């Protein structure tokens, strides 16, 4: 399957560059549900091709293919809304409202209050990666929620505004489980300078009730601490915005990677692979991609995606490895439908309340104590 995927990708790129790519205005309006292949896109891009015809589907769009060709479709059949139309999805999701429902007094505070008191979230959810956002807010309204807390780090070797792929809108992350509002401090001042204005496009990130920012664990967080919180209390760390531009959540030590994963010795890596890994790390470091660690709730285990790259980094004298985390939960498919309380969890709960971000005093919940593990040097 890996070989097939690698062979298919260049062909698809070639077709997309040379063939006919349909615009959304050309999408068909199907009558009923004719037999054929239907596809939807949750995030990123999907390409459907037949002969010299190519359909590009962005997030939220759908396509159809049969013996006559391929096309995007204007009104997808209701069954394509699976699993979001199921009772399981609807029962986990928070209530919603639209931007027009907000008052003019302090709309940003109202967004926060509605999330923490009800909770309910703004809909529809904008596709931040494609430059969409909820609304434009002034700096003075944004800065009221300033705090030193954070949910990710941009790679220090890559200026955060250096890539045109990074959207020019500010993310503000809300954590209903800990009653925290976190401004993306990495982006705020850079965006003001880039836009030349104090009016900044804002995208609110409404996190599931069992999600916390990585700063919840303190400055020297380890993989072991995060895994223990996930296994024992179902607590997961918020996604970084753009791991493919080097964003990461934590920097475990080489020793910690060796403790939990099968990191091969250098002599077991072929000379050709060593040369390739070394050249990439020398030129790019981890600015194009961190190491990714998957944490699985059912097995309570972890998996690392590039153990050979970790070994090569260690041989080059790197002691801490930028790492992004993915959490595999039983209802992760349903989570695509919108924020809520995951199946089998009750949000963040416990006995102590560490210092957090901008805390909303109403109904402030209590948080679990930090796991009793040793502190790493990460």
Protein backbone atom coordinates (compact mmCIF):
# COMPACT_ATOMS: atom_id res chain seq x y z
CA UNK A 1 0.00 0.00 0.00
CA UNK A 2 2.85 2.41 0.77
CA UNK A 3 4.47 1.77 -2.61
CA UNK A 4 1.16 2.29 -4.38
CA UNK A 5 0.58 5.58 -2.56
CA UNK A 6 4.03 6.88 -3.46
CA UNK A 7 3.55 5.95 -7.11
CA UNK A 8 0.07 7.46 -7.26
CA UNK A 9 0.90 10.87 -5.81
CA UNK A 10 3.20 12.14 -8.60
CA UNK A 11 0.67 10.97 -11.18
CA UNK A 12 -2.13 12.84 -9.44
CA UNK A 13 -0.02 15.99 -9.24
CA UNK A 14 0.77 15.70 -12.94
CA UNK A 15 -2.91 15.28 -13.81
CA UNK A 16 -3.88 18.23 -11.63
CA UNK A 17 -1.32 20.43 -13.34
CA UNK A 18 -2.14 19.39 -16.91
CA UNK A 19 -5.79 18.34 -16.90
CA UNK A 20 -9.07 20.13 -16.44
CA UNK A 21 -9.77 21.03 -12.81
CA UNK A 22 -13.41 21.81 -12.12
CA UNK A 23 -14.37 24.89 -10.13
CA UNK A 24 -17.09 24.75 -7.48
CA UNK A 25 -19.42 26.68 -9.82
CA UNK A 26 -19.35 23.72 -12.22
CA UNK A 27 -20.56 21.23 -9.59
CA UNK A 28 -23.51 19.04 -10.51
CA UNK A 29 -26.85 18.95 -8.76
CA UNK A 30 -27.76 15.29 -8.42
CA UNK A 31 -31.33 14.06 -8.55
CA UNK A 32 -31.83 11.48 -5.84
CA UNK A 33 -28.90 9.17 -5.09
CA UNK A 34 -27.74 7.59 -8.37
CA UNK A 35 -25.38 4.59 -8.11
CA UNK A 36 -21.70 5.49 -8.16
CA UNK A 37 -18.84 6.47 -5.88
CA UNK A 38 -19.33 9.35 -3.46
CA UNK A 39 -16.54 11.04 -1.54
CA UNK A 40 -16.23 13.82 1.02
CA UNK A 41 -13.25 15.75 2.40
CA UNK A 42 -12.87 16.53 6.10
CA UNK A 43 -9.64 18.52 5.79
CA UNK A 44 -6.96 19.28 3.23
CA UNK A 45 -7.67 18.34 -0.39
CA UNK A 46 -9.05 15.30 -2.22
CA UNK A 47 -8.53 14.76 -5.95
CA UNK A 48 -10.82 12.61 -8.12
CA UNK A 49 -9.71 11.88 -11.69
CA UNK A 50 -10.95 10.10 -14.80
CA UNK A 51 -9.11 10.37 -18.11
CA UNK A 52 -7.99 14.03 -18.32
CA UNK A 53 -10.65 15.35 -15.95
CA UNK A 54 -9.77 16.22 -12.36
CA UNK A 55 -12.02 17.34 -9.51
CA UNK A 56 -10.43 19.06 -6.53
CA UNK A 57 -12.43 18.87 -3.32
CA UNK A 58 -11.66 21.18 -0.41
CA UNK A 59 -12.73 20.58 3.17
CA UNK A 60 -16.50 20.34 3.40
CA UNK A 61 -17.00 19.56 -0.30
CA UNK A 62 -18.23 16.32 -1.89
CA UNK A 63 -17.75 14.55 -5.21
CA UNK A 64 -19.38 11.86 -7.35
CA UNK A 65 -18.02 9.43 -9.94
CA UNK A 66 -19.61 6.87 -12.27
CA UNK A 67 -18.89 5.41 -15.70
CA UNK A 68 -19.59 8.80 -17.29
CA UNK A 69 -16.94 10.75 -15.36
CA UNK A 70 -16.27 12.63 -12.14
CA UNK A 71 -17.75 15.81 -10.74
CA UNK A 72 -18.16 17.78 -7.55
CA UNK A 73 -21.74 17.95 -6.32
CA UNK A 74 -23.60 20.97 -4.98
CA UNK A 75 -25.94 19.23 -2.57
CA UNK A 76 -24.51 15.96 -1.20
CA UNK A 77 -27.01 13.22 -0.29
CA UNK A 78 -27.95 13.16 3.37
CA UNK A 79 -26.26 9.81 3.89
CA UNK A 80 -22.89 11.52 3.30
CA UNK A 81 -23.41 13.33 6.57
CA UNK A 82 -22.57 10.08 8.35
CA UNK A 83 -21.46 9.86 11.08
CA UNK A 84 -22.43 13.39 12.06
CA UNK A 85 -26.15 12.74 11.63
CA UNK A 86 -26.10 9.76 13.98
CA UNK A 87 -27.45 9.88 17.54
CA UNK A 88 -23.96 9.08 18.85
CA UNK A 89 -22.50 12.17 17.19
CA UNK A 90 -25.37 14.45 18.13
CA UNK A 91 -25.30 13.38 21.77
CA UNK A 92 -21.59 14.23 22.18
CA UNK A 93 -21.72 17.61 20.44
CA UNK A 94 -22.22 20.99 22.10
CA UNK A 95 -25.09 23.27 21.10
CA UNK A 96 -24.36 25.87 18.41
CA UNK A 97 -25.21 29.46 17.45
CA UNK A 98 -24.09 31.87 14.71
CA UNK A 99 -22.01 35.04 14.73
CA UNK A 100 -25.15 37.13 14.10
CA UNK A 101 -26.51 36.02 17.48
CA UNK A 102 -23.80 37.97 19.31
CA UNK A 103 -24.47 41.38 20.87
CA UNK A 104 -22.42 44.48 20.07
CA UNK A 105 -21.24 45.21 23.63
CA UNK A 106 -18.38 42.72 24.03
CA UNK A 107 -18.88 39.95 21.46
CA UNK A 108 -15.60 38.19 22.25
CA UNK A 109 -16.48 37.95 25.93
CA UNK A 110 -19.89 36.64 24.92
CA UNK A 111 -18.28 33.88 22.85
CA UNK A 112 -16.28 32.87 25.91
CA UNK A 113 -19.25 33.05 28.28
CA UNK A 114 -21.49 30.98 26.00
CA UNK A 115 -18.84 28.29 25.78
CA UNK A 116 -18.10 28.08 29.48
CA UNK A 117 -21.60 28.56 30.86
CA UNK A 118 -23.80 26.48 28.52
CA UNK A 119 -21.60 25.23 26.71
CA UNK A 120 -22.34 26.20 23.11
CA UNK A 121 -20.08 27.02 20.19
CA UNK A 122 -20.03 29.19 17.08
CA UNK A 123 -21.15 27.50 13.87
CA UNK A 124 -20.27 26.84 11.16
CA UNK A 125 -16.67 25.92 11.97
CA UNK A 126 -14.38 27.84 9.59
CA UNK A 127 -11.67 26.02 7.66
CA UNK A 128 -8.73 27.86 9.21
CA UNK A 129 -6.19 26.17 6.94
CA UNK A 130 -7.91 27.70 3.89
CA UNK A 131 -7.91 31.18 5.44
CA UNK A 132 -11.44 31.18 6.82
CA UNK A 133 -12.20 32.76 10.20
CA UNK A 134 -15.13 33.57 12.49
CA UNK A 135 -14.88 37.38 12.59
CA UNK A 136 -12.52 40.36 12.80
CA UNK A 137 -11.80 41.71 16.28
CA UNK A 138 -9.80 44.68 17.49
CA UNK A 139 -6.57 44.21 19.41
CA UNK A 140 -8.01 45.78 22.57
CA UNK A 141 -10.77 43.17 22.60
CA UNK A 142 -8.32 40.34 22.03
CA UNK A 143 -5.74 41.37 24.61
CA UNK A 144 -8.28 41.16 27.46
CA UNK A 145 -7.65 37.40 27.42
CA UNK A 146 -3.86 37.57 27.38
CA UNK A 147 -2.05 34.99 29.53
CA UNK A 148 1.36 33.28 29.53
CA UNK A 149 -0.21 29.88 28.84
CA UNK A 150 0.27 28.08 25.52
CA UNK A 151 -0.76 24.98 23.59
CA UNK A 152 2.13 24.68 21.13
CA UNK A 153 5.53 25.98 20.10
CA UNK A 154 6.53 27.13 16.62
CA UNK A 155 9.95 25.87 15.55
CA UNK A 156 12.45 28.57 16.62
CA UNK A 157 14.51 27.97 13.48
CA UNK A 158 11.59 28.91 11.23
CA UNK A 159 10.13 32.43 11.54
CA UNK A 160 6.44 31.93 12.15
CA UNK A 161 5.29 34.19 9.31
CA UNK A 162 7.87 32.93 6.81
CA UNK A 163 5.54 30.46 5.08
CA UNK A 164 2.64 31.65 2.90
CA UNK A 165 0.89 28.41 3.90
CA UNK A 166 0.32 29.69 7.44
CA UNK A 167 -3.09 31.41 7.56
CA UNK A 168 -3.16 35.12 8.34
CA UNK A 169 -5.75 34.79 11.09
CA UNK A 170 -5.35 34.47 14.84
CA UNK A 171 -6.35 31.31 16.66
CA UNK A 172 -7.88 31.69 20.10
CA UNK A 173 -8.19 28.34 21.85
CA UNK A 174 -10.92 27.77 24.41
CA UNK A 175 -10.76 24.89 26.88
CA UNK A 176 -14.09 24.24 28.56
CA UNK A 177 -12.60 21.51 30.76
CA UNK A 178 -10.22 23.97 32.43
CA UNK A 179 -12.07 27.26 31.76
CA UNK A 180 -9.11 28.72 29.92
CA UNK A 181 -8.89 31.15 27.01
CA UNK A 182 -5.53 31.07 25.26
CA UNK A 183 -4.51 33.57 22.62
CA UNK A 184 -1.89 32.36 20.15
CA UNK A 185 0.83 34.60 21.57
CA UNK A 186 3.21 33.33 18.89
CA UNK A 187 1.08 34.95 16.19
CA UNK A 188 -0.62 38.03 17.64
CA UNK A 189 2.11 40.66 17.27
CA UNK A 190 3.40 39.11 14.04
CA UNK A 191 -0.10 39.32 12.55
CA UNK A 192 -0.57 42.96 13.57
CA UNK A 193 2.70 43.81 11.86
CA UNK A 194 1.90 41.73 8.78
CA UNK A 195 -1.62 43.16 8.40
CA UNK A 196 -0.62 46.69 9.36
CA UNK A 197 -3.73 46.96 11.50
CA UNK A 198 -5.08 46.38 14.98
CA UNK A 199 -8.12 44.68 13.44
CA UNK A 200 -7.28 40.98 13.30
CA UNK A 201 -9.22 38.04 11.81
CA UNK A 202 -9.94 35.54 14.58
CA UNK A 203 -10.70 31.83 14.51
CA UNK A 204 -11.97 30.33 17.76
CA UNK A 205 -10.87 26.78 18.54
CA UNK A 206 -13.49 25.10 20.74
CA UNK A 207 -11.79 22.10 22.27
CA UNK A 208 -13.43 18.92 23.55
CA UNK A 209 -14.12 18.91 27.28
CA UNK A 210 -11.28 16.44 27.96
CA UNK A 211 -8.64 18.54 26.15
CA UNK A 212 -6.02 20.70 27.87
CA UNK A 213 -3.17 22.92 26.64
CA UNK A 214 0.31 21.43 26.91
CA UNK A 215 1.19 24.16 29.46
CA UNK A 216 -1.26 22.45 31.84
CA UNK A 217 1.53 19.98 32.62
CA UNK A 218 4.16 22.64 33.37
CA UNK A 219 7.32 23.58 31.54
CA UNK A 220 9.18 20.26 31.77
CA UNK A 221 6.47 17.91 30.54
CA UNK A 222 7.39 14.36 29.55
CA UNK A 223 5.76 11.80 27.29
CA UNK A 224 5.19 9.64 30.37
CA UNK A 225 3.16 12.36 32.10
CA UNK A 226 0.95 12.95 29.07
CA UNK A 227 0.39 9.22 28.49
CA UNK A 228 -0.52 8.63 32.13
CA UNK A 229 -3.10 11.45 32.08
CA UNK A 230 -4.56 10.05 28.84
CA UNK A 231 -4.71 6.47 30.12
CA UNK A 232 -6.01 7.16 33.61
CA UNK A 233 -8.26 10.19 33.12
CA UNK A 234 -8.85 10.41 29.38
CA UNK A 235 -7.13 13.81 29.25
CA UNK A 236 -5.54 14.71 25.92
CA UNK A 237 -3.37 17.59 24.75
CA UNK A 238 -4.64 20.11 22.19
CA UNK A 239 -3.53 19.74 18.57
CA UNK A 240 -0.75 21.99 17.36
CA UNK A 241 -1.89 24.27 14.51
CA UNK A 242 0.48 23.18 11.72
CA UNK A 243 2.86 20.31 12.47
CA UNK A 244 3.85 20.21 8.79
CA UNK A 245 5.43 23.66 9.29
CA UNK A 246 7.34 22.51 12.36
CA UNK A 247 4.86 23.33 15.16
CA UNK A 248 5.29 21.00 18.14
CA UNK A 249 3.91 20.38 21.63
CA UNK A 250 6.92 19.22 23.62
CA UNK A 251 10.60 18.22 23.32
CA UNK A 252 11.28 14.83 24.91
CA UNK A 253 14.88 13.79 25.46
CA UNK A 254 16.63 11.11 23.44
CA UNK A 255 16.72 9.02 26.61
CA UNK A 256 12.94 9.16 26.90
CA UNK A 257 12.51 8.04 23.29
CA UNK A 258 14.83 5.13 23.99
CA UNK A 259 12.87 4.26 27.12
CA UNK A 260 9.50 3.95 25.37
CA UNK A 261 10.30 3.09 21.75
CA UNK A 262 12.48 0.77 19.72
CA UNK A 263 14.99 3.30 18.42
CA UNK A 264 17.40 1.33 16.19
CA UNK A 265 21.15 1.66 16.67
CA UNK A 266 22.92 3.63 13.96
CA UNK A 267 24.62 0.55 12.50
CA UNK A 268 21.23 -1.00 11.70
CA UNK A 269 20.34 1.92 9.42
CA UNK A 270 21.62 1.56 5.86
CA UNK A 271 24.37 4.01 4.77
CA UNK A 272 22.06 5.38 2.07
CA UNK A 273 19.29 6.07 4.60
CA UNK A 274 21.79 7.59 7.03
CA UNK A 275 23.07 9.97 4.37
CA UNK A 276 19.55 11.03 3.44
CA UNK A 277 18.46 11.57 7.05
CA UNK A 278 21.63 13.49 7.92
CA UNK A 279 21.36 15.77 4.89
CA UNK A 280 17.74 16.57 5.68
CA UNK A 281 18.45 17.29 9.35
CA UNK A 282 21.46 19.45 8.50
CA UNK A 283 19.45 21.53 6.04
CA UNK A 284 16.05 21.65 7.68
CA UNK A 285 16.34 20.28 11.20
CA UNK A 286 12.76 19.76 12.39
CA UNK A 287 11.39 22.90 10.72
CA UNK A 288 9.36 20.96 8.14
CA UNK A 289 8.03 18.25 10.45
CA UNK A 290 8.47 17.24 14.09
CA UNK A 291 8.52 13.66 15.27
CA UNK A 292 4.95 12.42 15.72
CA UNK A 293 3.92 10.22 18.65
CA UNK A 294 0.52 8.52 18.60
CA UNK A 295 -1.12 7.67 21.91
CA UNK A 296 -3.79 4.92 21.83
CA UNK A 297 -6.47 4.93 24.50
CA UNK A 298 -7.63 1.30 24.19
CA UNK A 299 -4.16 -0.25 24.44
CA UNK A 300 -2.63 2.48 26.59
CA UNK A 301 0.46 2.44 24.38
CA UNK A 302 2.44 4.86 22.21
CA UNK A 303 3.94 4.63 18.73
CA UNK A 304 6.57 6.84 17.09
CA UNK A 305 6.55 7.52 13.36
CA UNK A 306 10.26 7.99 12.51
CA UNK A 307 12.54 6.13 14.94
CA UNK A 308 15.47 6.22 12.50
CA UNK A 309 15.24 9.99 12.29
CA UNK A 310 15.37 10.15 16.09
CA UNK A 311 18.54 8.05 16.08
CA UNK A 312 20.20 10.19 13.44
CA UNK A 313 19.34 13.35 15.37
CA UNK A 314 20.92 11.83 18.47
CA UNK A 315 24.10 10.95 16.54
CA UNK A 316 24.32 14.60 15.44
CA UNK A 317 24.29 15.80 19.04
CA UNK A 318 20.63 16.78 19.35
CA UNK A 319 19.39 16.09 22.88
CA UNK A 320 15.73 17.15 22.71
CA UNK A 321 13.40 16.29 19.84
CA UNK A 322 10.46 18.52 18.77
CA UNK A 323 7.40 16.28 18.99
CA UNK A 324 3.73 16.54 18.09
CA UNK A 325 1.08 14.28 19.64
CA UNK A 326 -1.93 12.52 18.13
CA UNK A 327 -4.54 10.83 20.34
CA UNK A 328 -6.41 7.77 19.10
CA UNK A 329 -9.80 7.48 20.82
CA UNK A 330 -12.78 5.19 20.16
CA UNK A 331 -14.93 8.11 18.99
CA UNK A 332 -12.27 9.99 17.00
CA UNK A 333 -14.44 9.77 13.85
CA UNK A 334 -17.31 11.44 15.68
CA UNK A 335 -14.95 14.15 16.92
CA UNK A 336 -14.74 15.43 13.33
CA UNK A 337 -18.36 16.53 13.62
CA UNK A 338 -17.62 19.23 16.18
CA UNK A 339 -16.47 19.83 19.76
CA UNK A 340 -18.20 18.14 22.67
CA UNK A 341 -17.71 15.59 25.44
CA UNK A 342 -16.11 12.39 24.09
CA UNK A 343 -17.84 9.09 24.69
CA UNK A 344 -16.83 7.53 27.98
CA UNK A 345 -15.36 10.71 29.49
CA UNK A 346 -16.72 13.46 31.69
CA UNK A 347 -14.26 16.18 30.81
CA UNK A 348 -11.42 17.27 33.05
CA UNK A 349 -12.09 16.63 36.72
CA UNK A 350 -10.06 16.08 39.85
CA UNK A 351 -9.00 17.61 43.12
CA UNK A 352 -6.70 20.57 42.48
CA UNK A 353 -6.63 23.65 40.28
CA UNK A 354 -3.22 24.68 38.91
CA UNK A 355 -2.63 28.18 37.62
CA UNK A 356 -4.08 28.41 34.12
CA UNK A 357 -4.75 30.95 31.41
CA UNK A 358 -7.55 33.50 31.42
CA UNK A 359 -9.91 31.80 33.84
CA UNK A 360 -13.61 32.57 33.75
CA UNK A 361 -14.79 32.60 37.39
CA UNK A 362 -18.31 31.29 36.73
CA UNK A 363 -18.54 27.54 37.32
CA UNK A 364 -14.77 27.20 37.39
CA UNK A 365 -14.05 23.45 37.46
CA UNK A 366 -11.37 21.69 39.43
CA UNK A 367 -8.48 20.00 37.69
CA UNK A 368 -6.68 16.73 38.40
CA UNK A 369 -3.33 16.80 40.13
CA UNK A 370 -0.31 16.43 37.92
CA UNK A 371 0.81 12.81 37.48
CA UNK A 372 3.31 11.68 40.08
CA UNK A 373 6.22 11.01 37.75
CA UNK A 374 9.76 12.21 37.47
CA UNK A 375 10.40 15.44 35.61
CA UNK A 376 12.28 15.09 32.32
CA UNK A 377 14.80 17.51 30.85
CA UNK A 378 12.56 18.12 27.85
